[in-house]
Protein backbone atom coordinates (compact mmCIF):
# COMPACT_ATOMS: atom_id res chain seq x y z
CA UNK A 1 -0.25 -0.03 -0.27
CA UNK A 2 1.47 3.74 -1.07
CA UNK A 3 2.25 5.99 1.83
CA UNK A 4 -0.61 8.58 2.88
CA UNK A 5 0.43 11.94 1.81
CA UNK A 6 -1.22 14.95 1.71
CA UNK A 7 -2.59 14.41 -1.93
CA UNK A 8 -4.53 11.84 -1.12
CA UNK A 9 -5.89 12.55 2.27
CA UNK A 10 -7.33 16.05 0.44
CA UNK A 11 -8.89 13.96 -2.40
CA UNK A 12 -10.81 12.37 0.33
CA UNK A 13 -12.31 15.45 2.02
CA UNK A 14 -13.19 16.69 -1.43
CA UNK A 15 -14.87 13.40 -2.37
CA UNK A 16 -16.94 13.77 1.03
CA UNK A 17 -17.59 17.68 0.49
CA UNK A 18 -19.36 16.40 -2.86
CA UNK A 19 -21.13 13.92 -1.51
CA UNK A 20 -22.25 16.26 0.97
CA UNK A 21 -22.93 19.36 -1.66
CA UNK A 22 -25.17 16.81 -4.08
CA UNK A 23 -28.10 17.02 -1.99
CA UNK A 24 -28.34 20.73 -2.86
CA UNK A 25 -28.33 19.96 -6.54
CA UNK A 26 -30.98 21.75 -8.43
CA UNK A 27 -30.30 25.38 -7.21
CA UNK A 28 -27.48 28.00 -8.14
CA UNK A 29 -26.45 29.21 -5.44
CA UNK A 30 -27.24 28.02 -1.48
CA UNK A 31 -27.96 29.88 1.21
CA UNK A 32 -27.55 28.25 4.76
CA UNK A 33 -29.70 28.78 8.11
CA UNK A 34 -27.78 28.21 10.73
CA UNK A 35 -29.68 27.76 13.97
CA UNK A 36 -29.70 30.03 16.83
CA UNK A 37 -26.90 29.06 19.09
CA UNK A 38 -24.96 30.51 22.11
CA UNK A 39 -22.57 33.52 21.59
CA UNK A 40 -19.63 31.37 21.78
CA UNK A 41 -21.06 28.34 19.08
CA UNK A 42 -22.06 31.65 17.13
CA UNK A 43 -18.18 33.30 17.17
CA UNK A 44 -16.62 29.61 16.64
CA UNK A 45 -19.24 29.36 13.87
CA UNK A 46 -17.72 32.48 12.09
CA UNK A 47 -14.33 31.75 12.61
CA UNK A 48 -14.26 28.13 11.77
CA UNK A 49 -16.50 29.45 8.26
CA UNK A 50 -13.89 32.03 7.34
CA UNK A 51 -10.79 29.51 7.54
CA UNK A 52 -10.47 25.51 7.82
CA UNK A 53 -7.36 25.13 6.82
CA UNK A 54 -4.72 22.56 7.44
CA UNK A 55 -1.76 20.46 6.54
CA UNK A 56 -0.64 16.98 6.34
CA UNK A 57 2.59 15.57 6.62
CA UNK A 58 3.84 12.09 5.53
CA UNK A 59 3.46 9.74 7.42
CA UNK A 60 5.03 6.38 7.79
CA UNK A 61 2.14 3.54 8.50
CA UNK A 62 0.39 2.16 5.94
CA UNK A 63 -3.71 1.78 5.72
CA UNK A 64 -4.70 -1.50 5.33
CA UNK A 65 -7.12 -2.69 2.03
CA UNK A 66 -10.33 -3.53 4.47
CA UNK A 67 -12.61 -0.14 5.31
CA UNK A 68 -11.07 1.50 8.67
CA UNK A 69 -13.78 1.00 11.55
CA UNK A 70 -12.86 4.64 11.91
CA UNK A 71 -14.64 6.34 8.64
CA UNK A 72 -17.79 4.45 8.91
CA UNK A 73 -19.43 7.51 9.98
CA UNK A 74 -18.78 9.32 7.18
CA UNK A 75 -20.63 7.30 5.01
CA UNK A 76 -23.82 6.61 6.93
CA UNK A 77 -26.58 9.45 7.38
CA UNK A 78 -24.96 12.85 8.94
CA UNK A 79 -25.17 12.36 12.40
CA UNK A 80 -24.05 14.76 14.70
CA UNK A 81 -21.57 13.26 18.02
CA UNK A 82 -20.87 14.67 20.92
CA UNK A 83 -17.29 13.75 20.80
CA UNK A 84 -16.51 15.94 17.27
CA UNK A 85 -18.02 19.25 18.85
CA UNK A 86 -17.39 18.49 22.77
CA UNK A 87 -14.15 20.68 22.64
CA UNK A 88 -16.16 23.20 21.33
CA UNK A 89 -19.30 23.31 23.84
CA UNK A 90 -16.11 22.49 26.58
CA UNK A 91 -14.86 26.15 26.34
CA UNK A 92 -11.98 24.58 24.37
CA UNK A 93 -10.24 26.52 21.73
CA UNK A 94 -11.24 23.96 18.76
CA UNK A 95 -8.12 21.97 16.81
CA UNK A 96 -8.52 22.64 13.38
CA UNK A 97 -5.32 21.02 12.61
CA UNK A 98 -5.62 17.53 12.01
CA UNK A 99 -2.03 16.39 12.64
CA UNK A 100 -0.35 16.64 16.30
CA UNK A 101 2.89 15.97 17.36
CA UNK A 102 4.31 12.32 16.79
CA UNK A 103 4.71 11.10 19.92
CA UNK A 104 8.51 10.04 20.98
CA UNK A 105 8.16 5.94 21.36
CA UNK A 106 11.08 4.19 23.15
CA UNK A 107 12.69 1.68 21.29
CA UNK A 108 12.06 -1.43 22.60
CA UNK A 109 13.13 -4.75 21.45
CA UNK A 110 9.68 -6.24 21.49
CA UNK A 111 8.73 -6.39 17.37
CA UNK A 112 4.70 -6.60 19.01
CA UNK A 113 5.20 -3.23 21.05
CA UNK A 114 6.33 -1.72 18.04
CA UNK A 115 3.44 -2.33 15.74
CA UNK A 116 1.47 -1.68 18.60
CA UNK A 117 2.18 1.58 18.78
CA UNK A 118 2.08 2.32 15.30
CA UNK A 119 -1.62 0.62 15.31
CA UNK A 120 -2.33 3.34 17.86
CA UNK A 121 -0.76 6.06 16.17
CA UNK A 122 -3.00 4.91 12.93
CA UNK A 123 -6.13 4.79 14.54
CA UNK A 124 -5.47 7.98 16.17
CA UNK A 125 -4.84 9.95 12.74
CA UNK A 126 -7.72 8.44 11.28
CA UNK A 127 -10.30 9.29 14.26
CA UNK A 128 -8.93 12.79 13.63
CA UNK A 129 -8.89 12.64 10.10
CA UNK A 130 -13.07 11.62 10.96
CA UNK A 131 -13.60 14.37 13.10
CA UNK A 132 -12.37 17.03 11.07
CA UNK A 133 -14.62 16.17 8.20
CA UNK A 134 -17.56 16.14 10.42
CA UNK A 135 -16.63 19.12 11.94
CA UNK A 136 -16.81 20.73 8.62
CA UNK A 137 -19.99 19.46 7.38
CA UNK A 138 -21.33 20.36 10.59
CA UNK A 139 -20.08 24.17 9.70
CA UNK A 140 -21.07 24.25 6.22
CA UNK A 141 -24.23 22.16 5.79
CA UNK A 142 -26.05 21.99 9.11
CA UNK A 143 -28.91 21.45 7.24
CA UNK A 144 -27.61 17.80 6.15
CA UNK A 145 -27.69 16.54 9.74
CA UNK A 146 -29.82 13.51 10.29
CA UNK A 147 -29.98 12.37 13.58
CA UNK A 148 -28.03 13.23 16.98
CA UNK A 149 -26.09 10.32 18.90
CA UNK A 150 -28.21 10.78 21.86
CA UNK A 151 -31.02 9.70 20.06
CA UNK A 152 -29.64 6.93 18.49
CA UNK A 153 -28.16 6.12 22.15
CA UNK A 154 -32.08 5.64 22.96
CA UNK A 155 -32.80 3.20 21.05
CA UNK A 156 -32.42 -0.53 22.12
CA UNK A 157 -30.06 -3.32 20.70
CA UNK A 158 -32.43 -5.30 18.33
CA UNK A 159 -31.00 -8.41 19.87
CA UNK A 160 -31.51 -7.39 23.57
CA UNK A 161 -34.95 -8.99 24.28
CA UNK A 162 -34.36 -12.09 21.50
CA UNK A 163 -34.77 -15.36 23.41
CA UNK A 164 -33.03 -17.62 22.02
CA UNK A 165 -34.56 -20.66 20.72
CA UNK A 166 -33.68 -24.06 22.32
CA UNK A 167 -32.28 -26.63 20.03
CA UNK A 168 -34.59 -29.66 19.84
CA UNK A 169 -33.13 -32.97 20.51
CA UNK A 170 -31.42 -34.78 18.56
CA UNK A 171 -32.23 -38.85 17.71
CA UNK A 172 -29.64 -41.15 18.10
CA UNK A 173 -30.83 -42.90 14.73
CA UNK A 174 -30.57 -39.25 13.07
CA UNK A 175 -27.17 -39.16 13.46
CA UNK A 176 -26.51 -42.72 11.14
CA UNK A 177 -29.21 -41.11 8.85
CA UNK A 178 -27.50 -39.54 5.66
CA UNK A 179 -28.12 -35.83 4.87
CA UNK A 180 -29.86 -34.24 2.09
CA UNK A 181 -30.14 -31.33 -0.10
CA UNK A 182 -31.74 -32.68 -2.74
CA UNK A 183 -35.33 -31.06 -3.11
CA UNK A 184 -38.16 -32.83 -5.31
CA UNK A 185 -39.27 -29.88 -7.49
CA UNK A 186 -42.61 -31.75 -7.89
CA UNK A 187 -43.14 -30.64 -4.24
CA UNK A 188 -42.31 -27.03 -4.84
CA UNK A 189 -45.84 -25.23 -4.88
CA UNK A 190 -45.94 -21.67 -7.13
CA UNK A 191 -49.09 -21.20 -6.06
CA UNK A 192 -50.17 -18.81 -3.35
CA UNK A 193 -52.73 -20.29 -1.33
CA UNK A 194 -54.93 -18.06 1.58
CA UNK A 195 -56.87 -20.10 4.30
CA UNK A 196 -59.81 -18.96 5.80
CA UNK A 197 -59.80 -18.00 9.51
CA UNK A 198 -61.35 -20.86 11.93
CA UNK A 199 -63.50 -19.81 14.47
CA UNK A 200 -63.89 -23.47 15.76
CA UNK A 201 -61.84 -24.24 19.13
CA UNK A 202 -61.11 -28.00 19.93
CA UNK A 203 -59.85 -28.75 23.78
CA UNK A 204 -60.63 -31.92 25.63
CA UNK A 205 -59.45 -33.71 29.00
CA UNK A 206 -58.84 -37.34 30.07
CA UNK A 207 -58.10 -38.85 33.14
CA UNK A 208 -57.87 -41.89 35.03
CA UNK A 209 -57.93 -41.40 39.09
CA UNK A 210 -57.21 -44.51 41.59
CA UNK A 211 -58.03 -44.24 45.52
CA UNK A 212 -57.51 -47.31 47.93
CA UNK A 213 -57.96 -47.54 51.52
CA UNK A 214 -56.55 -50.73 53.31
CA UNK A 215 -57.19 -51.87 57.02
CA UNK A 216 -55.53 -55.00 58.34
CA UNK A 217 -57.58 -58.12 59.25
CA UNK A 218 -57.32 -57.42 62.95
CA UNK A 219 -58.22 -53.58 62.75
CA UNK A 220 -60.58 -53.10 65.58
CA UNK A 221 -61.52 -50.11 64.97
CA UNK A 222 -64.21 -48.85 62.54
CA UNK A 223 -63.72 -48.55 58.89
CA UNK A 224 -63.68 -50.89 55.62
CA UNK A 225 -60.89 -51.81 53.04
CA UNK A 226 -62.02 -50.38 49.73
CA UNK A 227 -60.95 -49.78 46.34
CA UNK A 228 -62.23 -46.88 44.16
CA UNK A 229 -61.37 -46.11 39.95
CA UNK A 230 -62.83 -43.39 38.41
CA UNK A 231 -62.53 -42.55 34.61
CA UNK A 232 -63.84 -39.18 32.99
CA UNK A 233 -63.65 -37.46 29.41
CA UNK A 234 -64.04 -33.78 28.19
CA UNK A 235 -64.68 -32.26 25.05
CA UNK A 236 -65.22 -28.53 24.48
CA UNK A 237 -66.10 -27.59 20.49
CA UNK A 238 -66.69 -24.21 20.93
CA UNK A 239 -67.31 -21.70 17.97
CA UNK A 240 -66.18 -17.73 18.27
CA UNK A 241 -66.44 -15.44 15.47
CA UNK A 242 -64.58 -12.72 17.27
CA UNK A 243 -67.66 -10.45 16.96
CA UNK A 244 -71.46 -11.29 17.82
CA UNK A 245 -71.72 -14.79 17.72
CA UNK A 246 -70.46 -17.60 20.13
CA UNK A 247 -71.66 -21.65 20.16
CA UNK A 248 -70.23 -23.45 23.03
CA UNK A 249 -71.00 -27.32 23.31
CA UNK A 250 -69.49 -29.60 25.81
CA UNK A 251 -69.51 -33.41 26.37
CA UNK A 252 -68.82 -34.94 29.59
CA UNK A 253 -68.52 -38.73 30.52
CA UNK A 254 -67.67 -39.76 33.96
CA UNK A 255 -67.22 -43.12 35.60
CA UNK A 256 -66.79 -44.21 39.13
CA UNK A 257 -66.28 -47.93 40.49
CA UNK A 258 -65.64 -48.60 44.22
CA UNK A 259 -65.39 -52.17 45.58
CA UNK A 260 -66.92 -52.90 49.11
CA UNK A 261 -66.13 -56.36 51.03
CA UNK A 262 -69.02 -55.90 52.78
CA UNK A 263 -71.23 -55.98 50.11
CA UNK A 264 -71.93 -59.90 49.47
CA UNK A 265 -74.23 -59.71 46.57
CA UNK A 266 -71.76 -57.99 43.90
CA UNK A 267 -67.82 -57.49 44.20
CA UNK A 268 -68.01 -54.01 42.47
CA UNK A 269 -70.67 -51.05 42.65
CA UNK A 270 -71.18 -47.67 40.78
CA UNK A 271 -70.22 -45.00 43.07
CA UNK A 272 -70.55 -42.14 40.08
CA UNK A 273 -72.18 -41.74 36.69
CA UNK A 274 -72.81 -39.02 34.62
CA UNK A 275 -73.13 -38.49 30.89
CA UNK A 276 -73.99 -34.92 29.53
CA UNK A 277 -74.20 -32.93 26.95
CA UNK A 278 -74.40 -29.16 27.05
CA UNK A 279 -74.89 -26.87 24.21
CA UNK A 280 -75.55 -22.90 23.98
CA UNK A 281 -75.98 -20.32 21.69
CA UNK A 282 -75.17 -16.78 22.21
CA UNK A 283 -75.33 -13.46 20.39
CA UNK A 284 -73.56 -10.92 21.89
CA UNK A 285 -75.64 -7.45 22.98
CA UNK A 286 -72.88 -5.44 24.49
CA UNK A 287 -69.76 -5.46 26.35
CA UNK A 288 -69.36 -8.73 27.78
CA UNK A 289 -73.55 -9.60 27.81
CA UNK A 290 -75.15 -12.51 25.57
CA UNK A 291 -78.46 -13.23 24.73
CA UNK A 292 -78.06 -17.03 25.05
CA UNK A 293 -80.10 -20.33 24.31
CA UNK A 294 -79.35 -23.08 26.25
CA UNK A 295 -79.76 -26.78 26.67
CA UNK A 296 -78.46 -29.66 28.31
CA UNK A 297 -79.03 -33.29 28.56
CA UNK A 298 -78.10 -36.01 31.23
CA UNK A 299 -78.43 -39.20 32.32
CA UNK A 300 -76.47 -42.46 33.72
CA UNK A 301 -74.80 -44.95 31.51
CA UNK A 302 -74.79 -48.18 34.33
CA UNK A 303 -77.18 -49.47 36.53
CA UNK A 304 -76.92 -48.51 40.33
CA UNK A 305 -78.16 -50.85 43.33
CA UNK A 306 -78.24 -50.51 46.83
CA UNK A 307 -75.94 -51.91 49.27
CA UNK A 308 -76.32 -55.88 49.40
CA UNK A 309 -79.79 -55.09 47.79
CA UNK A 310 -81.01 -56.04 44.22
CA UNK A 311 -83.56 -52.72 44.46
CA UNK A 312 -82.04 -50.97 41.24
CA UNK A 313 -81.87 -47.11 41.85
CA UNK A 314 -81.10 -45.44 38.47
CA UNK A 315 -80.15 -46.65 35.38
CA UNK A 316 -79.79 -45.55 31.97
CA UNK A 317 -82.18 -43.11 30.82
CA UNK A 318 -83.60 -43.67 34.04
CA UNK A 319 -83.71 -40.95 34.68
CA UNK A 320 -83.13 -38.62 31.86
CA UNK A 321 -83.40 -34.46 32.51
CA UNK A 322 -83.82 -32.68 29.69
CA UNK A 323 -83.69 -28.74 29.97
CA UNK A 324 -84.50 -25.52 27.89
CA UNK A 325 -82.83 -22.05 29.06
CA UNK A 326 -83.29 -18.72 27.30
CA UNK A 327 -82.13 -15.29 29.09
CA UNK A 328 -78.45 -13.38 29.16
CA UNK A 329 -75.21 -14.93 29.83
CA UNK A 330 -72.01 -12.83 31.28
CA UNK A 331 -68.98 -14.31 29.67
CA UNK A 332 -65.51 -13.47 30.70
CA UNK A 333 -62.48 -15.11 29.01
CA UNK A 334 -59.36 -14.38 30.06
CA UNK A 335 -55.86 -15.74 30.44
CA UNK A 336 -56.17 -17.31 33.85
CA UNK A 337 -59.70 -17.51 34.46
CA UNK A 338 -63.25 -18.38 32.05
CA UNK A 339 -66.22 -17.45 33.43
CA UNK A 340 -69.71 -17.62 32.32
CA UNK A 341 -72.70 -16.50 34.79
CA UNK A 342 -76.26 -17.62 32.58
CA UNK A 343 -79.39 -15.91 34.44
CA UNK A 344 -82.31 -17.75 32.83
CA UNK A 345 -86.04 -16.47 33.70
CA UNK A 346 -87.71 -18.86 31.54
CA UNK A 347 -86.40 -22.53 31.92
CA UNK A 348 -88.16 -25.80 30.67
CA UNK A 349 -87.07 -29.06 32.66
CA UNK A 350 -88.20 -32.83 31.34
CA UNK A 351 -87.82 -36.02 33.48
CA UNK A 352 -88.18 -39.02 31.82
CA UNK A 353 -87.84 -42.92 33.58
CA UNK A 354 -87.53 -45.84 30.73
CA UNK A 355 -87.17 -48.53 32.89
CA UNK A 356 -89.61 -49.57 34.79
CA UNK A 357 -87.73 -50.83 37.62
CA UNK A 358 -86.18 -47.83 38.41
CA UNK A 359 -88.66 -46.32 41.11
CA UNK A 360 -89.91 -43.06 39.68
CA UNK A 361 -91.41 -41.89 42.54
CA UNK A 362 -88.18 -41.34 44.48
CA UNK A 363 -88.14 -38.24 45.97
CA UNK A 364 -84.96 -37.32 43.85
CA UNK A 365 -86.94 -38.23 40.63
CA UNK A 366 -89.90 -36.82 41.48
CA UNK A 367 -92.44 -38.54 38.62
CA UNK A 368 -96.36 -39.43 39.68
CA UNK A 369 -96.54 -43.47 39.71
CA UNK A 370 -98.60 -43.36 36.78
CA UNK A 371 -96.79 -41.44 34.56
CA UNK A 372 -93.16 -41.78 33.20
CA UNK A 373 -92.39 -37.95 32.85
CA UNK A 374 -92.72 -35.03 34.56
CA UNK A 375 -92.89 -31.17 33.55
CA UNK A 376 -91.26 -28.14 34.99
CA UNK A 377 -91.50 -24.85 34.39
CA UNK A 378 -89.42 -22.01 36.16
CA UNK A 379 -85.94 -19.91 36.34
CA UNK A 380 -82.39 -21.29 36.50
CA UNK A 381 -79.11 -20.16 37.22
CA UNK A 382 -75.86 -21.70 35.73
CA UNK A 383 -72.24 -20.48 36.56
CA UNK A 384 -69.47 -22.10 35.02
CA UNK A 385 -65.69 -21.52 35.67
CA UNK A 386 -61.96 -22.57 35.23
CA UNK A 387 -59.27 -21.07 36.99
CA UNK A 388 -55.55 -21.72 36.35
CA UNK A 389 -54.09 -20.77 39.56
CA UNK A 390 -51.25 -20.86 39.29
CA UNK A 391 -49.97 -23.61 36.02
CA UNK A 392 -49.81 -26.45 38.33
CA UNK A 393 -53.35 -26.03 39.85
CA UNK A 394 -56.52 -25.58 38.16
CA UNK A 395 -60.13 -24.91 39.58
CA UNK A 396 -62.96 -26.31 38.13
CA UNK A 397 -66.54 -24.97 39.47
CA UNK A 398 -70.36 -25.69 38.21
CA UNK A 399 -73.25 -24.48 40.10
CA UNK A 400 -76.84 -25.06 38.44
CA UNK A 401 -79.73 -23.63 40.31
CA UNK A 402 -83.26 -24.67 39.44
CA UNK A 403 -86.49 -23.42 40.67
CA UNK A 404 -90.15 -23.90 39.81
CA UNK A 405 -91.33 -21.45 42.74
CA UNK A 406 -92.26 -24.64 44.84
CA UNK A 407 -89.55 -26.77 45.25
CA UNK A 408 -85.35 -26.48 44.72
CA UNK A 409 -83.08 -28.31 43.05
CA UNK A 410 -79.30 -27.17 43.13
CA UNK A 411 -75.86 -28.35 42.41
CA UNK A 412 -72.53 -27.42 43.25
CA UNK A 413 -69.39 -29.56 41.30
CA UNK A 414 -65.58 -28.35 42.25
CA UNK A 415 -62.97 -29.83 40.96
CA UNK A 416 -59.09 -28.83 41.99
CA UNK A 417 -56.82 -30.47 39.70
CA UNK A 418 -52.87 -30.38 40.95
CA UNK A 419 -50.80 -31.32 38.04
CA UNK A 420 -47.91 -32.96 38.31
CA UNK A 421 -46.51 -32.90 35.09
CA UNK A 422 -48.14 -33.66 31.76
CA UNK A 423 -49.46 -37.23 32.40
CA UNK A 424 -49.47 -37.36 36.20
CA UNK A 425 -52.14 -35.11 38.43
CA UNK A 426 -54.23 -35.50 41.56
CA UNK A 427 -57.58 -34.52 41.49
CA UNK A 428 -60.08 -33.28 44.90
CA UNK A 429 -63.57 -33.59 44.16
CA UNK A 430 -66.71 -31.97 46.03
CA UNK A 431 -69.48 -32.52 45.08
CA UNK A 432 -72.72 -30.69 46.76
CA UNK A 433 -76.34 -31.05 46.28
CA UNK A 434 -79.37 -29.50 47.69
CA UNK A 435 -83.13 -30.59 47.44
CA UNK A 436 -86.21 -29.36 49.16
CA UNK A 437 -87.93 -32.41 48.32
CA UNK A 438 -85.69 -35.07 48.75
CA UNK A 439 -87.74 -36.53 52.35
CA UNK A 440 -84.77 -39.44 52.36
CA UNK A 441 -82.14 -37.34 53.03
CA UNK A 442 -84.33 -35.00 55.83
CA UNK A 443 -83.83 -31.62 53.18
CA UNK A 444 -80.59 -31.76 54.20
CA UNK A 445 -77.20 -30.58 52.28
CA UNK A 446 -75.60 -33.86 50.83
CA UNK A 447 -71.89 -33.63 49.64
CA UNK A 448 -69.55 -36.12 48.45
CA UNK A 449 -65.75 -35.89 48.43
CA UNK A 450 -63.38 -37.51 46.65
CA UNK A 451 -59.40 -37.41 46.70
CA UNK A 452 -57.28 -39.50 43.81
CA UNK A 453 -54.21 -39.55 41.65
CA UNK A 454 -53.81 -41.28 38.61
CA UNK A 455 -52.93 -40.47 34.46
CA UNK A 456 -54.54 -37.61 32.90
CA UNK A 457 -53.89 -35.88 29.76
CA UNK A 458 -55.02 -32.34 27.91
CA UNK A 459 -55.38 -31.46 24.94
C-alpha cells in the first residue's frame, strides 16, 4: 500500500464534501440557515467558516486494504456526534489542525510492541481525520444533519429481547442417517394459498384416577377396605367469530366404580355415573353480555343398586333430564380465568324414566306413579368457571340452581386439579347437592368428596 500523503487526504475530504453537496443539487446558490445558538458557538462558527485549513505531513504507516472502522461515520446518514463538537461547547479552542506532534516512542526490542504503537498512532490519525471532516460538514451544511448521537443512544439493541431458541433434541438414529439437500421440484408449489380463519376450537381432557383404603384383618376400629377407580372424559367444541356469535358445546362422561367387602351380592358398585351434553348459543348484546339459548341433557350410563340389595336405583335413561333455558349470559375469557354466568328467567325441565324397575316416585326423581315424565317450568341460574390459579393448580367449578317456585334443586361441583406434569395429576372432587323435596335425605345438604391420583392428559 502507498503512503498517506497530503494529496490523498485532501482528495478523500473533497469526495466527502462533494457527496454532501450533491443533496443541494437543483439550485444555483446555497443559503445556509444556521440555528440559533449561544454567542460562544456563533463566534466559533464564524471563525471556522472563514478558514478551515490544515496541513498533513507524510506518514510512515500503511492504510489497510479493508474499510477502516474509524471512517464508517462518513458513509452513513450525517449524525451529530458529541465527541466531535465537545471541544467547542466545553469552552476549549477547537483544534482545526488534524495533525498533532508525533509522540516519542522509546526503542524496544519487542516487535509486537512496535506494531501496537504504530497501530495506535494510525487509529488516532484516522479518528482526527474523520472528526475534522464531520466538523466541516456541521459548519458548512448543518441542514444535512439527519440525527444526533443522543437519539441513537435511546434506541434499544435489536437483539436485547431476542429469546434464544432451544435446539430440538436429536435422536440417535438421525446421527446415522445421511443428510441430503436435494429438493424434489414436483413438491414445490408456486401457487399462493390463502386459508380462511378457523373460528372453531377443539379442546379436551381425559383422566383415570385411583384411590385405595386398606385395613388389616385384625383392625379393631371402624373402617372398611375399599378400592376406587374413576375415569372421566371432557370434550369442548366451541365456535367464536370474534364479533357477535358464540356457540359452545360440551360433552362430559364420568364413571366411578368402588369395591366394598361388606357388599355380599356384587364385587363392584357404581359410585358416580354421568353423561351430560350441554349446548349454548349466544348473540352479543353489549360489552360482555350475550342473549343466550341453552339446552342440557344428562343421564346415567350404568345400573346403580342399593348395598346388599337387588333394588335398582338408577339406570340408563332412568332418569334422563332435559332442560332448555333462555336468558342473558355474562362471559369473561381471560388468560387465567374463564367464567360464564347465565341468568334464565325462562326455563323448562323434563324428566323421563324408561326402566320400569327404577322407583320413579323417589323424592330425588319426583315422577307420579302413573306417568313416565314430569314437566317443570321456572327459572334457572347456571354458573361455570375455570380458574388457573397457577400452572400446576386448576380449579373448575359448576353451579346449577333451578326452581319452579314450589321446590328447589341445586348442585355445586368443584374439582381441583393438581398437575404434577403432563401426564400425572391428583384431583380433589367435592359435589354438593340440595333438594328441598328429598325426604329421604332429611332436606339437608348432601355432599360427596373424593381425593384421587392417576393419569391425565389435556389437548
